[in-house]
N, C-alpha and C. Protein backbone atom coordinates (compact mmCIF):
# COMPACT_ATOMS: atom_id res chain seq x y z
N UNK A 1 71.16 -15.50 45.51
CA UNK A 1 71.05 -16.89 45.29
C UNK A 1 70.78 -17.98 46.33
N UNK A 2 70.04 -18.78 45.86
CA UNK A 2 69.27 -19.79 46.36
C UNK A 2 70.51 -20.77 46.67
N UNK A 3 70.89 -21.18 47.97
CA UNK A 3 71.61 -22.47 48.11
C UNK A 3 73.01 -22.53 48.00
N UNK A 4 73.70 -22.81 48.83
CA UNK A 4 75.17 -22.65 48.63
C UNK A 4 75.94 -24.16 49.27
N UNK A 5 74.98 -24.99 49.28
CA UNK A 5 75.39 -26.22 49.74
C UNK A 5 74.72 -27.40 48.94
N UNK A 6 74.70 -27.20 47.82
CA UNK A 6 74.71 -28.51 46.61
C UNK A 6 75.92 -29.17 46.17
N UNK A 7 76.00 -30.23 45.84
CA UNK A 7 77.00 -31.00 45.98
C UNK A 7 77.57 -31.09 44.61
N UNK A 8 78.26 -29.53 44.35
CA UNK A 8 78.72 -29.34 42.86
C UNK A 8 79.98 -28.64 43.31
N UNK A 9 80.65 -28.16 42.45
CA UNK A 9 82.38 -27.78 42.22
C UNK A 9 82.31 -26.72 43.43
N UNK A 10 81.33 -25.43 43.51
CA UNK A 10 81.03 -24.53 44.76
C UNK A 10 79.90 -24.66 45.49
N UNK A 11 79.24 -25.61 45.52
CA UNK A 11 77.97 -25.65 46.55
C UNK A 11 76.86 -24.78 45.58
N UNK A 12 77.21 -23.77 44.37
CA UNK A 12 75.95 -23.56 43.89
C UNK A 12 75.23 -24.25 42.91
N UNK A 13 74.35 -24.26 42.55
CA UNK A 13 73.54 -24.80 41.43
C UNK A 13 74.26 -25.18 39.93
N UNK A 14 73.96 -25.87 39.28
CA UNK A 14 74.48 -25.96 37.86
C UNK A 14 73.61 -25.66 37.04
N UNK A 15 73.68 -24.60 35.94
CA UNK A 15 72.56 -24.20 35.19
C UNK A 15 73.75 -24.25 33.65
N UNK A 16 72.41 -23.78 32.70
CA UNK A 16 73.26 -24.01 31.36
C UNK A 16 72.91 -22.56 30.42
N UNK A 17 73.71 -22.24 29.72
CA UNK A 17 73.43 -21.02 29.30
C UNK A 17 73.72 -20.85 27.92
N UNK A 18 73.39 -20.08 26.76
CA UNK A 18 74.09 -20.15 25.28
C UNK A 18 73.64 -18.63 25.10
N UNK A 19 74.97 -18.66 24.23
CA UNK A 19 75.25 -17.33 23.79
C UNK A 19 73.96 -16.93 22.49
N UNK A 20 73.63 -15.73 22.58
CA UNK A 20 72.30 -15.56 21.50
C UNK A 20 72.83 -15.85 19.68
N UNK A 21 74.06 -15.64 19.56
CA UNK A 21 74.50 -16.08 18.37
C UNK A 21 74.63 -17.40 18.00
N UNK A 22 75.07 -18.42 19.04
CA UNK A 22 74.67 -19.89 18.83
C UNK A 22 73.61 -20.52 18.77
N UNK A 23 72.60 -19.57 19.69
CA UNK A 23 71.15 -20.19 19.02
C UNK A 23 70.65 -19.42 18.11
N UNK A 24 71.15 -18.33 17.58
CA UNK A 24 70.71 -18.48 16.25
C UNK A 24 71.16 -19.08 15.05
N UNK A 25 72.88 -19.34 15.72
CA UNK A 25 73.21 -20.26 14.45
C UNK A 25 72.62 -21.92 14.46
N UNK A 26 72.11 -22.34 15.64
CA UNK A 26 71.50 -23.27 15.36
C UNK A 26 70.08 -23.36 15.09
N UNK A 27 69.61 -22.13 15.08
CA UNK A 27 68.29 -21.84 14.38
C UNK A 27 68.62 -22.11 12.82
N UNK A 28 69.60 -21.42 12.24
CA UNK A 28 69.72 -21.56 11.03
C UNK A 28 70.00 -22.80 10.87
N UNK A 29 70.65 -23.75 11.14
CA UNK A 29 71.04 -24.96 11.01
C UNK A 29 69.94 -25.74 11.04
N UNK A 30 68.94 -25.73 12.00
CA UNK A 30 67.87 -26.50 12.22
C UNK A 30 66.74 -26.13 10.72
N UNK A 31 66.85 -24.88 10.05
CA UNK A 31 66.26 -24.84 9.15
C UNK A 31 66.68 -25.41 8.02
N UNK A 32 67.81 -25.49 7.74
CA UNK A 32 68.66 -26.30 6.87
C UNK A 32 68.19 -27.79 6.64
N UNK A 33 68.48 -27.93 7.97
CA UNK A 33 67.84 -29.67 8.12
C UNK A 33 66.41 -30.01 7.71
N UNK A 34 65.59 -28.87 8.06
CA UNK A 34 64.49 -29.16 7.44
C UNK A 34 64.12 -29.15 5.69
N UNK A 35 64.77 -27.46 5.20
CA UNK A 35 64.54 -27.60 4.00
C UNK A 35 64.89 -29.15 2.98
N UNK A 36 66.23 -29.54 3.62
CA UNK A 36 66.73 -30.77 2.76
C UNK A 36 65.82 -31.75 3.38
N UNK A 37 64.86 -31.83 3.95
CA UNK A 37 64.41 -32.88 4.47
C UNK A 37 64.96 -34.01 5.14
N UNK A 38 65.69 -33.71 5.93
CA UNK A 38 66.20 -34.90 6.93
C UNK A 38 65.40 -35.41 7.85
N UNK A 39 64.71 -34.53 8.31
CA UNK A 39 63.84 -34.72 9.51
C UNK A 39 63.13 -35.84 9.24
N UNK A 40 63.01 -36.89 10.41
CA UNK A 40 62.19 -37.90 10.15
C UNK A 40 61.14 -37.68 10.82
N UNK A 41 60.49 -36.85 11.87
CA UNK A 41 59.31 -36.45 12.24
C UNK A 41 59.06 -35.18 11.85
N UNK A 42 57.66 -34.87 12.06
CA UNK A 42 57.03 -33.68 12.08
C UNK A 42 57.79 -32.50 12.94
N UNK A 43 57.70 -33.39 14.03
CA UNK A 43 58.33 -32.35 15.31
C UNK A 43 59.39 -32.66 15.92
N UNK A 44 60.83 -32.17 15.65
CA UNK A 44 61.98 -32.77 16.47
C UNK A 44 62.61 -31.85 17.67
N UNK A 45 63.09 -32.53 18.59
CA UNK A 45 63.55 -31.82 19.66
C UNK A 45 64.97 -31.63 19.98
N UNK A 46 65.46 -30.43 20.22
CA UNK A 46 67.00 -30.33 20.07
C UNK A 46 67.40 -29.62 21.44
N UNK A 47 68.27 -30.03 22.00
CA UNK A 47 68.80 -29.54 23.16
C UNK A 47 69.58 -28.95 22.80
N UNK A 48 69.72 -27.18 23.46
CA UNK A 48 71.02 -26.20 22.97
C UNK A 48 71.44 -25.80 24.02
N UNK A 49 72.41 -25.35 24.59
CA UNK A 49 73.37 -24.46 25.42
C UNK A 49 74.79 -24.85 25.29
N UNK A 50 75.62 -24.68 25.94
CA UNK A 50 77.17 -24.97 26.36
C UNK A 50 76.97 -26.25 26.15
N UNK A 51 76.46 -27.21 27.32
CA UNK A 51 76.57 -28.02 27.21
C UNK A 51 77.75 -28.85 28.53
N UNK A 52 77.67 -27.93 29.31
CA UNK A 52 78.83 -28.56 30.69
C UNK A 52 78.30 -28.18 31.58
N UNK A 53 77.27 -26.91 31.60
CA UNK A 53 76.87 -26.30 32.98
C UNK A 53 77.78 -25.77 33.46
N UNK A 54 77.34 -24.43 34.07
CA UNK A 54 77.96 -23.47 34.82
C UNK A 54 77.08 -23.56 36.23
N UNK A 55 78.03 -23.05 36.98
CA UNK A 55 77.54 -23.06 38.23
C UNK A 55 77.15 -21.40 38.42
N UNK A 56 75.97 -21.11 39.51
CA UNK A 56 75.42 -19.63 39.67
C UNK A 56 76.67 -18.94 40.21
N UNK A 57 77.70 -19.50 41.27
CA UNK A 57 79.12 -18.47 41.65
C UNK A 57 79.93 -18.21 40.09
N UNK A 58 80.06 -19.60 39.45
CA UNK A 58 80.92 -19.15 37.93
C UNK A 58 80.13 -17.77 37.01
N UNK A 59 78.81 -17.91 36.96
CA UNK A 59 78.28 -17.09 36.03
C UNK A 59 78.70 -15.37 36.82
N UNK A 60 78.16 -15.93 38.17
CA UNK A 60 78.36 -14.15 38.55
C UNK A 60 80.29 -13.80 38.47
N UNK A 61 81.05 -14.75 38.62
CA UNK A 61 82.40 -14.42 38.33
C UNK A 61 82.61 -13.85 37.29
N UNK A 62 81.84 -14.99 36.15
CA UNK A 62 82.07 -14.46 35.05
C UNK A 62 81.78 -13.01 34.65
N UNK A 63 80.40 -12.76 35.03
CA UNK A 63 79.92 -11.34 34.80
C UNK A 63 80.80 -10.45 35.44
N UNK A 64 81.55 -10.12 36.51
CA UNK A 64 81.98 -9.78 37.28
C UNK A 64 83.64 -9.29 36.43
N UNK A 65 83.87 -10.46 35.54
CA UNK A 65 85.42 -10.59 34.78
C UNK A 65 85.07 -9.25 33.68
N UNK A 66 83.73 -9.79 33.33
CA UNK A 66 83.07 -8.40 32.11
C UNK A 66 82.97 -7.53 32.57
N UNK A 67 82.67 -7.03 33.65
CA UNK A 67 82.13 -5.46 33.96
C UNK A 67 83.28 -4.63 34.77
N UNK A 68 84.00 -5.85 35.38
CA UNK A 68 85.08 -5.35 36.16
C UNK A 68 84.34 -4.30 37.14
N UNK A 69 83.23 -5.10 37.78
CA UNK A 69 82.52 -4.36 39.02
C UNK A 69 82.22 -5.54 39.87
N UNK A 70 82.03 -5.33 41.02
CA UNK A 70 81.83 -6.56 42.00
C UNK A 70 80.29 -6.57 42.31
N UNK A 71 79.05 -7.61 42.00
CA UNK A 71 78.30 -7.65 41.86
C UNK A 71 77.80 -7.79 43.88
N UNK A 72 76.81 -7.28 43.77
CA UNK A 72 76.16 -7.03 45.19
C UNK A 72 75.23 -8.06 45.35
N UNK A 73 75.28 -9.27 45.74
CA UNK A 73 74.60 -10.72 46.08
C UNK A 73 74.39 -11.23 47.56
N UNK A 74 73.67 -11.80 47.50
CA UNK A 74 73.24 -12.62 49.13
C UNK A 74 72.64 -13.91 48.70
N UNK A 75 73.51 -15.03 49.38
CA UNK A 75 73.06 -16.40 49.48
C UNK A 75 72.25 -16.67 50.56
N UNK A 76 70.92 -17.19 50.15
CA UNK A 76 69.88 -17.36 50.97
C UNK A 76 69.90 -18.81 50.70
N UNK A 77 68.62 -19.38 51.36
CA UNK A 77 68.29 -20.51 51.61
C UNK A 77 67.64 -21.47 50.44
N UNK A 78 68.05 -22.70 49.81
CA UNK A 78 67.38 -23.18 48.92
C UNK A 78 66.37 -22.82 48.72
N UNK A 79 65.35 -22.91 47.22
CA UNK A 79 64.23 -23.09 47.42
C UNK A 79 63.58 -24.59 46.92
N UNK A 80 62.37 -24.80 47.16
CA UNK A 80 62.28 -26.00 47.38
C UNK A 80 61.96 -26.45 45.82
N UNK A 81 62.24 -27.53 45.41
CA UNK A 81 62.16 -28.13 44.07
C UNK A 81 63.37 -27.81 43.62
N UNK A 82 64.28 -26.89 43.66
CA UNK A 82 65.35 -26.37 43.01
C UNK A 82 66.24 -27.93 42.99
N UNK A 83 66.58 -28.22 41.46
CA UNK A 83 67.76 -29.20 41.27
C UNK A 83 69.02 -28.89 41.31
N UNK A 84 69.97 -29.85 41.54
CA UNK A 84 71.05 -29.55 41.40
C UNK A 84 71.67 -29.15 40.63
N UNK A 85 71.58 -29.73 39.44
CA UNK A 85 72.34 -29.13 38.10
C UNK A 85 71.50 -29.50 36.72
N UNK A 86 71.29 -28.98 35.88
CA UNK A 86 70.52 -29.16 34.76
C UNK A 86 71.12 -28.56 33.62
N UNK A 87 71.82 -29.14 32.81
CA UNK A 87 72.19 -28.68 31.22
C UNK A 87 72.17 -29.64 30.20
N UNK A 88 71.79 -28.81 28.94
CA UNK A 88 71.72 -29.64 27.87
C UNK A 88 72.79 -30.83 27.21
N UNK A 89 72.24 -31.93 26.77
CA UNK A 89 73.18 -32.44 25.95
C UNK A 89 73.03 -32.59 24.55
N UNK A 90 74.07 -31.92 24.10
CA UNK A 90 74.16 -31.45 22.69
C UNK A 90 74.45 -32.87 21.62
N UNK A 91 74.50 -33.72 21.96
CA UNK A 91 74.72 -34.84 20.73
C UNK A 91 73.87 -34.95 19.87
N UNK A 92 72.27 -34.90 19.99
CA UNK A 92 71.79 -34.93 18.83
C UNK A 92 71.63 -33.74 17.83
N UNK A 93 72.08 -32.53 18.53
CA UNK A 93 71.91 -31.22 17.65
C UNK A 93 73.45 -31.60 17.01
N UNK A 94 74.75 -32.17 17.72
CA UNK A 94 75.59 -32.04 16.96
C UNK A 94 75.83 -33.21 15.71
N UNK A 95 74.60 -34.28 16.02
CA UNK A 95 75.17 -35.25 15.18
C UNK A 95 73.93 -34.87 13.96
N UNK A 96 72.99 -34.43 14.32
CA UNK A 96 72.01 -34.18 13.08
C UNK A 96 71.98 -32.82 12.18
N UNK A 97 72.59 -31.80 13.07
CA UNK A 97 72.37 -30.59 12.60
C UNK A 97 73.94 -30.21 12.39
N UNK A 98 75.19 -30.79 12.91
CA UNK A 98 76.49 -30.45 12.97
C UNK A 98 76.89 -29.35 13.70
N UNK A 99 75.83 -28.83 14.76
CA UNK A 99 76.04 -27.80 15.50
C UNK A 99 76.82 -27.80 16.79
N UNK A 100 77.22 -27.07 16.97
CA UNK A 100 78.38 -27.02 18.52
C UNK A 100 78.73 -25.79 19.02
N UNK A 101 78.06 -25.55 19.85
CA UNK A 101 78.56 -24.05 20.23
C UNK A 101 79.84 -23.60 20.43
N UNK A 102 79.67 -22.12 20.04
CA UNK A 102 81.46 -21.48 19.70
C UNK A 102 81.76 -20.73 21.21
N UNK A 103 80.58 -20.19 21.63
CA UNK A 103 81.09 -19.59 22.82
C UNK A 103 81.00 -19.84 24.28
N UNK A 104 81.74 -19.23 25.30
CA UNK A 104 81.31 -19.79 26.41
C UNK A 104 80.89 -18.92 27.66
N UNK A 105 80.64 -18.96 28.85
CA UNK A 105 80.59 -18.22 29.76
C UNK A 105 80.93 -16.80 29.47
N UNK A 106 82.13 -16.44 29.47
CA UNK A 106 82.83 -15.55 29.58
C UNK A 106 82.36 -14.97 28.64
N UNK A 107 82.17 -15.22 26.97
CA UNK A 107 81.98 -14.54 26.12
C UNK A 107 80.50 -14.30 25.90
N UNK A 108 79.62 -14.77 26.59
CA UNK A 108 78.04 -14.34 27.04
C UNK A 108 78.29 -13.32 27.65
N UNK A 109 78.47 -13.30 28.79
CA UNK A 109 78.80 -12.03 29.77
C UNK A 109 79.22 -10.83 29.19
N UNK A 110 80.53 -11.35 28.58
CA UNK A 110 81.13 -9.87 28.11
C UNK A 110 80.00 -9.38 26.72
N UNK A 111 79.48 -9.95 26.09
CA UNK A 111 78.90 -9.31 24.85
C UNK A 111 77.45 -8.67 25.46
N UNK A 112 76.78 -9.55 26.29
CA UNK A 112 75.44 -9.20 27.43
C UNK A 112 75.90 -7.78 27.44
N UNK A 113 77.03 -7.80 28.38
CA UNK A 113 77.54 -6.48 29.05
C UNK A 113 77.43 -5.66 27.96
N UNK A 114 78.10 -5.64 27.02
CA UNK A 114 78.71 -4.57 25.85
C UNK A 114 77.09 -4.34 25.21
N UNK A 115 76.14 -5.11 25.24
CA UNK A 115 74.84 -4.50 24.41
C UNK A 115 74.47 -3.96 25.30
N UNK A 116 74.49 -3.98 26.73
CA UNK A 116 73.54 -3.41 27.48
C UNK A 116 74.42 -1.76 27.69
N UNK A 117 75.49 -2.08 27.63
CA UNK A 117 75.86 -0.52 27.69
C UNK A 117 75.53 0.29 26.36
N UNK A 118 75.77 -0.08 25.31
CA UNK A 118 74.92 0.61 24.15
C UNK A 118 73.38 0.65 24.03
N UNK A 119 72.85 -0.33 24.78
CA UNK A 119 71.52 0.06 24.90
C UNK A 119 70.88 1.48 25.80
N UNK A 120 71.95 1.63 27.07
CA UNK A 120 71.72 2.32 27.87
C UNK A 120 71.98 3.78 27.39
N UNK A 121 72.68 4.17 26.33
CA UNK A 121 73.15 5.08 26.15
C UNK A 121 72.29 5.71 24.86
N UNK A 122 70.77 5.24 24.31
CA UNK A 122 70.15 5.58 23.65
C UNK A 122 69.14 6.68 24.56
């Protein structure tokens, strides 16, 4: 982990994540938006994610809850250029597509771990 002295809830960077099923749902709604010709431009940009930001330590803790295993990680110095927090503003996606994420960081980690478990059996 790079840095633990950021002005955040726990000192680690804040980032945004998205569950693959929420992403798929957003893409489906975007296609419907285009098929219904509701777009005003040929190309529109929508921010997608959970929308509230999760610290790196919160993501680590969510993974540990999902797996029941303690992660072996180290805290190192900040990387040059790293921003304190970056996460999606969902206003446009909610307003125009009617999209809101249904899953949180715990759901993301739990289903990602389940997928890895199935994948590793093959």
